[in-house]
Amino acid sequence: MAHDHKLEIFRGFLKFRSNTQKIWGVLVFLTIVTAVEVALGITKPAVLTHNYFLGMKLLNWIFIILTLVKAYYITWDFMHMRDEKSSLRRAVVWTPIFLVAYLIFILLFEADYIYNVWKEGFMAWDF
């Protein structure tokens, strides 16, 4: 399987003639996504910092989505996950998704408690 790499990205939208050309194409795409992230981080548009969605600023949601897009393409193309069997792809993808979701839940739950302690002083747990 190592010699049968697919020479396309974006689900076949862009096709390349060689593996080197595909690597450069993915690199350009990741550079553009990173440049957008950096530009948004420097400028911080007011429309994205003052509007909230699900309790978080729109700018933060954009950063999370762009980071996931970059992680997907790095894993899919540079780590050659597209050439692996679906069971290995699921094991590699779903395990971190579960662990990250669990970590986010724990961090948000504890952060809420710490915020309440900081705001109101000592706070006892109600079991």
N, C-alpha and C. Protein backbone atom coordinates (compact mmCIF):
# COMPACT_ATOMS: atom_id res chain seq x y z
N MET A 1 0.80 -1.20 0.00
CA MET A 1 0.00 0.00 0.00
C MET A 1 0.85 1.26 0.00
N ALA A 2 2.07 1.18 0.43
CA ALA A 2 2.88 2.38 0.55
C ALA A 2 3.16 3.01 -0.81
N HIS A 3 3.11 2.23 -1.89
CA HIS A 3 3.40 2.78 -3.21
C HIS A 3 2.15 3.24 -3.95
N ASP A 4 0.97 2.99 -3.43
CA ASP A 4 -0.27 3.34 -4.10
C ASP A 4 -0.95 4.55 -3.48
N HIS A 5 -0.22 5.64 -3.30
CA HIS A 5 -0.81 6.83 -2.72
C HIS A 5 -1.75 7.49 -3.71
N LYS A 6 -2.84 8.00 -3.21
CA LYS A 6 -3.77 8.73 -4.05
C LYS A 6 -3.25 10.15 -4.22
N LEU A 7 -3.30 10.64 -5.42
CA LEU A 7 -2.74 11.95 -5.73
C LEU A 7 -3.83 13.00 -5.85
N GLU A 8 -4.70 13.07 -4.86
CA GLU A 8 -5.78 14.05 -4.89
C GLU A 8 -6.06 14.51 -3.46
N ILE A 9 -6.58 15.73 -3.37
CA ILE A 9 -7.01 16.25 -2.08
C ILE A 9 -8.39 16.85 -2.25
N PHE A 10 -9.01 17.23 -1.15
CA PHE A 10 -10.37 17.78 -1.13
C PHE A 10 -11.35 16.81 -1.78
N ARG A 11 -11.26 15.54 -1.40
CA ARG A 11 -12.16 14.49 -1.89
C ARG A 11 -12.17 14.40 -3.41
N GLY A 12 -10.99 14.57 -4.03
CA GLY A 12 -10.86 14.43 -5.47
C GLY A 12 -11.03 15.72 -6.24
N PHE A 13 -11.27 16.84 -5.56
CA PHE A 13 -11.48 18.11 -6.25
C PHE A 13 -10.20 18.58 -6.94
N LEU A 14 -9.05 18.42 -6.28
CA LEU A 14 -7.75 18.76 -6.87
C LEU A 14 -6.95 17.49 -7.06
N LYS A 15 -6.46 17.28 -8.29
CA LYS A 15 -5.66 16.09 -8.59
C LYS A 15 -4.27 16.53 -9.01
N PHE A 16 -3.27 15.77 -8.57
CA PHE A 16 -1.89 16.10 -8.86
C PHE A 16 -1.25 14.99 -9.68
N ARG A 17 -0.14 15.34 -10.37
CA ARG A 17 0.54 14.36 -11.22
C ARG A 17 1.56 13.53 -10.44
N SER A 18 2.11 14.09 -9.36
CA SER A 18 3.13 13.35 -8.60
C SER A 18 2.89 13.55 -7.11
N ASN A 19 3.54 12.71 -6.34
CA ASN A 19 3.42 12.80 -4.89
C ASN A 19 4.06 14.09 -4.38
N THR A 20 5.15 14.50 -4.99
CA THR A 20 5.80 15.75 -4.59
C THR A 20 4.88 16.94 -4.82
N GLN A 21 4.20 16.94 -5.95
CA GLN A 21 3.26 18.02 -6.25
C GLN A 21 2.11 18.03 -5.25
N LYS A 22 1.65 16.84 -4.85
CA LYS A 22 0.57 16.77 -3.86
C LYS A 22 1.03 17.31 -2.51
N ILE A 23 2.25 16.98 -2.11
CA ILE A 23 2.78 17.48 -0.84
C ILE A 23 2.83 19.00 -0.86
N TRP A 24 3.29 19.57 -1.97
CA TRP A 24 3.32 21.03 -2.07
C TRP A 24 1.92 21.62 -2.05
N GLY A 25 0.96 20.96 -2.68
CA GLY A 25 -0.42 21.44 -2.67
C GLY A 25 -1.01 21.45 -1.27
N VAL A 26 -0.77 20.39 -0.52
CA VAL A 26 -1.26 20.33 0.86
C VAL A 26 -0.54 21.36 1.71
N LEU A 27 0.75 21.55 1.48
CA LEU A 27 1.51 22.55 2.22
C LEU A 27 0.96 23.95 1.96
N VAL A 28 0.63 24.26 0.71
CA VAL A 28 0.06 25.57 0.39
C VAL A 28 -1.29 25.74 1.08
N PHE A 29 -2.12 24.69 1.06
CA PHE A 29 -3.42 24.76 1.73
C PHE A 29 -3.26 25.01 3.22
N LEU A 30 -2.36 24.26 3.87
CA LEU A 30 -2.14 24.43 5.31
C LEU A 30 -1.55 25.80 5.62
N THR A 31 -0.72 26.33 4.72
CA THR A 31 -0.17 27.67 4.91
C THR A 31 -1.26 28.72 4.83
N ILE A 32 -2.19 28.56 3.90
CA ILE A 32 -3.30 29.50 3.78
C ILE A 32 -4.17 29.47 5.03
N VAL A 33 -4.48 28.27 5.52
CA VAL A 33 -5.30 28.15 6.73
C VAL A 33 -4.58 28.78 7.92
N THR A 34 -3.28 28.55 8.04
CA THR A 34 -2.51 29.15 9.12
C THR A 34 -2.46 30.67 9.00
N ALA A 35 -2.31 31.18 7.78
CA ALA A 35 -2.30 32.63 7.57
C ALA A 35 -3.63 33.25 7.96
N VAL A 36 -4.73 32.57 7.66
CA VAL A 36 -6.05 33.07 8.07
C VAL A 36 -6.14 33.10 9.59
N GLU A 37 -5.66 32.04 10.25
CA GLU A 37 -5.68 32.01 11.71
C GLU A 37 -4.86 33.15 12.31
N VAL A 38 -3.67 33.35 11.77
CA VAL A 38 -2.80 34.41 12.29
C VAL A 38 -3.42 35.78 12.04
N ALA A 39 -3.97 35.99 10.84
CA ALA A 39 -4.59 37.28 10.53
C ALA A 39 -5.77 37.56 11.45
N LEU A 40 -6.60 36.55 11.69
CA LEU A 40 -7.73 36.74 12.61
C LEU A 40 -7.25 36.96 14.04
N GLY A 41 -6.17 36.29 14.43
CA GLY A 41 -5.64 36.47 15.77
C GLY A 41 -5.04 37.85 15.98
N ILE A 42 -4.46 38.42 14.93
CA ILE A 42 -3.87 39.76 15.06
C ILE A 42 -4.94 40.84 15.00
N THR A 43 -5.86 40.72 14.03
CA THR A 43 -6.86 41.79 13.85
C THR A 43 -8.02 41.69 14.84
N LYS A 44 -8.41 40.50 15.21
CA LYS A 44 -9.53 40.26 16.12
C LYS A 44 -10.74 41.13 15.76
N PRO A 45 -11.42 40.81 14.66
CA PRO A 45 -12.56 41.63 14.23
C PRO A 45 -13.64 41.70 15.32
N ALA A 46 -14.20 42.89 15.49
CA ALA A 46 -15.18 43.11 16.56
C ALA A 46 -16.41 42.24 16.37
N VAL A 47 -16.79 41.99 15.12
CA VAL A 47 -17.99 41.18 14.90
C VAL A 47 -17.78 39.74 15.39
N LEU A 48 -16.54 39.28 15.42
CA LEU A 48 -16.25 37.92 15.88
C LEU A 48 -15.94 37.85 17.37
N THR A 49 -15.56 38.97 17.97
CA THR A 49 -15.22 38.94 19.39
C THR A 49 -16.38 39.36 20.29
N HIS A 50 -17.40 40.00 19.73
CA HIS A 50 -18.53 40.46 20.55
C HIS A 50 -19.77 39.59 20.41
N ASN A 51 -19.77 38.69 19.44
CA ASN A 51 -20.91 37.79 19.25
C ASN A 51 -20.55 36.41 19.79
N TYR A 52 -21.52 35.79 20.43
CA TYR A 52 -21.30 34.49 21.07
C TYR A 52 -22.17 33.42 20.43
N PHE A 53 -21.66 32.20 20.42
CA PHE A 53 -22.40 31.04 19.96
C PHE A 53 -22.09 29.90 20.91
N LEU A 54 -23.11 29.35 21.54
CA LEU A 54 -22.96 28.28 22.53
C LEU A 54 -21.99 28.68 23.65
N GLY A 55 -22.10 29.93 24.09
CA GLY A 55 -21.31 30.39 25.22
C GLY A 55 -19.86 30.71 24.92
N MET A 56 -19.48 30.76 23.65
CA MET A 56 -18.10 31.04 23.31
C MET A 56 -18.07 32.03 22.15
N LYS A 57 -17.06 32.87 22.11
CA LYS A 57 -16.95 33.85 21.04
C LYS A 57 -16.82 33.16 19.68
N LEU A 58 -17.35 33.82 18.66
CA LEU A 58 -17.28 33.26 17.31
C LEU A 58 -15.83 33.08 16.85
N LEU A 59 -14.96 33.99 17.26
CA LEU A 59 -13.55 33.88 16.89
C LEU A 59 -12.94 32.60 17.44
N ASN A 60 -13.29 32.23 18.66
CA ASN A 60 -12.78 30.98 19.23
C ASN A 60 -13.29 29.78 18.46
N TRP A 61 -14.56 29.81 18.04
CA TRP A 61 -15.10 28.71 17.24
C TRP A 61 -14.35 28.60 15.91
N ILE A 62 -14.05 29.73 15.30
CA ILE A 62 -13.31 29.70 14.03
C ILE A 62 -11.93 29.10 14.23
N PHE A 63 -11.24 29.48 15.32
CA PHE A 63 -9.93 28.90 15.61
C PHE A 63 -10.02 27.38 15.80
N ILE A 64 -11.02 26.93 16.53
CA ILE A 64 -11.18 25.50 16.77
C ILE A 64 -11.44 24.77 15.46
N ILE A 65 -12.33 25.30 14.63
CA ILE A 65 -12.65 24.65 13.36
C ILE A 65 -11.44 24.62 12.44
N LEU A 66 -10.72 25.73 12.32
CA LEU A 66 -9.54 25.75 11.45
C LEU A 66 -8.44 24.82 11.97
N THR A 67 -8.30 24.71 13.28
CA THR A 67 -7.32 23.78 13.84
C THR A 67 -7.69 22.34 13.54
N LEU A 68 -8.98 22.02 13.62
CA LEU A 68 -9.42 20.67 13.28
C LEU A 68 -9.22 20.37 11.80
N VAL A 69 -9.45 21.36 10.95
CA VAL A 69 -9.22 21.18 9.51
C VAL A 69 -7.74 20.89 9.25
N LYS A 70 -6.86 21.65 9.89
CA LYS A 70 -5.43 21.41 9.71
C LYS A 70 -5.03 20.03 10.24
N ALA A 71 -5.54 19.66 11.40
CA ALA A 71 -5.21 18.34 11.96
C ALA A 71 -5.69 17.23 11.04
N TYR A 72 -6.87 17.41 10.46
CA TYR A 72 -7.41 16.40 9.54
C TYR A 72 -6.50 16.23 8.33
N TYR A 73 -6.11 17.31 7.69
CA TYR A 73 -5.29 17.19 6.49
C TYR A 73 -3.88 16.72 6.79
N ILE A 74 -3.33 17.09 7.93
CA ILE A 74 -2.01 16.57 8.29
C ILE A 74 -2.09 15.06 8.49
N THR A 75 -3.11 14.61 9.20
CA THR A 75 -3.26 13.17 9.43
C THR A 75 -3.61 12.44 8.15
N TRP A 76 -4.52 12.98 7.38
CA TRP A 76 -5.03 12.29 6.19
C TRP A 76 -3.98 12.19 5.10
N ASP A 77 -3.21 13.26 4.86
CA ASP A 77 -2.26 13.25 3.75
C ASP A 77 -0.84 12.93 4.18
N PHE A 78 -0.32 13.61 5.20
CA PHE A 78 1.07 13.40 5.56
C PHE A 78 1.29 12.10 6.33
N MET A 79 0.31 11.67 7.09
CA MET A 79 0.44 10.41 7.81
C MET A 79 -0.15 9.25 7.01
N HIS A 80 -0.64 9.53 5.80
CA HIS A 80 -1.15 8.52 4.86
C HIS A 80 -2.29 7.68 5.44
N MET A 81 -3.15 8.30 6.21
CA MET A 81 -4.28 7.56 6.77
C MET A 81 -5.29 7.16 5.70
N ARG A 82 -5.32 7.86 4.58
CA ARG A 82 -6.26 7.49 3.53
C ARG A 82 -5.93 6.13 2.92
N ASP A 83 -4.68 5.70 3.05
CA ASP A 83 -4.26 4.43 2.48
C ASP A 83 -4.41 3.26 3.44
N GLU A 84 -4.86 3.51 4.65
CA GLU A 84 -4.99 2.45 5.65
C GLU A 84 -6.40 1.87 5.64
N LYS A 85 -6.54 0.75 6.33
CA LYS A 85 -7.86 0.12 6.44
C LYS A 85 -8.75 0.96 7.34
N SER A 86 -10.05 0.84 7.13
CA SER A 86 -10.99 1.69 7.86
C SER A 86 -10.95 1.42 9.37
N SER A 87 -10.67 0.19 9.78
CA SER A 87 -10.64 -0.11 11.22
C SER A 87 -9.48 0.62 11.90
N LEU A 88 -8.33 0.70 11.25
CA LEU A 88 -7.21 1.44 11.82
C LEU A 88 -7.51 2.93 11.85
N ARG A 89 -8.12 3.44 10.78
CA ARG A 89 -8.48 4.86 10.76
C ARG A 89 -9.43 5.19 11.90
N ARG A 90 -10.42 4.33 12.13
CA ARG A 90 -11.36 4.57 13.23
C ARG A 90 -10.66 4.52 14.58
N ALA A 91 -9.76 3.57 14.77
CA ALA A 91 -9.05 3.47 16.04
C ALA A 91 -8.19 4.70 16.30
N VAL A 92 -7.56 5.21 15.25
CA VAL A 92 -6.71 6.38 15.40
C VAL A 92 -7.53 7.64 15.63
N VAL A 93 -8.68 7.74 14.99
CA VAL A 93 -9.48 8.97 15.06
C VAL A 93 -10.40 8.98 16.27
N TRP A 94 -11.14 7.91 16.51
CA TRP A 94 -12.17 7.95 17.56
C TRP A 94 -11.61 7.93 18.97
N THR A 95 -10.46 7.32 19.17
CA THR A 95 -9.87 7.31 20.51
C THR A 95 -9.52 8.72 20.98
N PRO A 96 -8.78 9.51 20.20
CA PRO A 96 -8.52 10.89 20.67
C PRO A 96 -9.78 11.74 20.74
N ILE A 97 -10.74 11.52 19.86
CA ILE A 97 -11.98 12.30 19.92
C ILE A 97 -12.68 12.05 21.25
N PHE A 98 -12.77 10.80 21.66
CA PHE A 98 -13.38 10.48 22.94
C PHE A 98 -12.59 11.09 24.10
N LEU A 99 -11.27 10.93 24.07
CA LEU A 99 -10.46 11.44 25.17
C LEU A 99 -10.48 12.97 25.24
N VAL A 100 -10.47 13.63 24.10
CA VAL A 100 -10.52 15.10 24.10
C VAL A 100 -11.88 15.58 24.59
N ALA A 101 -12.95 14.93 24.16
CA ALA A 101 -14.29 15.31 24.63
C ALA A 101 -14.39 15.12 26.15
N TYR A 102 -13.84 14.03 26.65
CA TYR A 102 -13.83 13.79 28.10
C TYR A 102 -13.01 14.85 28.83
N LEU A 103 -11.84 15.18 28.27
CA LEU A 103 -11.00 16.21 28.88
C LEU A 103 -11.70 17.56 28.89
N ILE A 104 -12.37 17.92 27.81
CA ILE A 104 -13.09 19.20 27.75
C ILE A 104 -14.19 19.22 28.79
N PHE A 105 -14.92 18.13 28.92
CA PHE A 105 -15.98 18.05 29.94
C PHE A 105 -15.40 18.28 31.33
N ILE A 106 -14.31 17.59 31.65
CA ILE A 106 -13.71 17.72 32.97
C ILE A 106 -13.20 19.15 33.19
N LEU A 107 -12.52 19.71 32.20
CA LEU A 107 -11.98 21.06 32.35
C LEU A 107 -13.08 22.10 32.53
N LEU A 108 -14.15 21.98 31.76
CA LEU A 108 -15.24 22.94 31.90
C LEU A 108 -15.95 22.80 33.24
N PHE A 109 -16.14 21.57 33.69
CA PHE A 109 -16.80 21.34 34.97
C PHE A 109 -15.96 21.90 36.11
N GLU A 110 -14.67 21.63 36.10
CA GLU A 110 -13.79 22.13 37.15
C GLU A 110 -13.60 23.64 37.05
N ALA A 111 -13.54 24.17 35.84
CA ALA A 111 -13.38 25.61 35.67
C ALA A 111 -14.59 26.36 36.23
N ASP A 112 -15.78 25.80 36.04
CA ASP A 112 -16.98 26.42 36.59
C ASP A 112 -16.91 26.45 38.12
N TYR A 113 -16.48 25.36 38.72
CA TYR A 113 -16.35 25.30 40.18
C TYR A 113 -15.30 26.30 40.67
N ILE A 114 -14.16 26.33 40.01
CA ILE A 114 -13.09 27.25 40.43
C ILE A 114 -13.54 28.70 40.27
N TYR A 115 -14.26 29.00 39.19
CA TYR A 115 -14.77 30.36 38.99
C TYR A 115 -15.73 30.74 40.12
N ASN A 116 -16.61 29.82 40.50
CA ASN A 116 -17.56 30.11 41.58
C ASN A 116 -16.84 30.29 42.92
N VAL A 117 -15.80 29.52 43.17
CA VAL A 117 -15.02 29.70 44.40
C VAL A 117 -14.33 31.05 44.38
N TRP A 118 -13.78 31.42 43.24
CA TRP A 118 -13.09 32.70 43.12
C TRP A 118 -14.07 33.86 43.28
N LYS A 119 -15.26 33.72 42.74
CA LYS A 119 -16.25 34.80 42.77
C LYS A 119 -16.92 34.92 44.13
N GLU A 120 -17.29 33.79 44.74
CA GLU A 120 -18.10 33.82 45.95
C GLU A 120 -17.36 33.39 47.21
N GLY A 121 -16.10 33.11 47.11
CA GLY A 121 -15.37 32.61 48.26
C GLY A 121 -15.55 31.10 48.37
N PHE A 122 -15.46 30.59 49.58
CA PHE A 122 -15.58 29.14 49.80
C PHE A 122 -16.95 28.65 49.35
N MET A 123 -16.95 27.54 48.67
CA MET A 123 -18.20 26.96 48.18
C MET A 123 -18.16 25.46 48.42
N ALA A 124 -19.14 24.95 49.11
CA ALA A 124 -19.19 23.51 49.41
C ALA A 124 -19.93 22.79 48.29
N TRP A 125 -19.54 21.57 48.08
CA TRP A 125 -20.22 20.73 47.09
C TRP A 125 -21.56 20.30 47.64
N ASP A 126 -22.58 20.35 46.85
CA ASP A 126 -23.89 19.83 47.22
C ASP A 126 -24.05 18.46 46.56
N PHE A 127 -23.95 17.43 47.39
CA PHE A 127 -24.09 16.08 46.84
C PHE A 127 -25.51 15.62 46.96
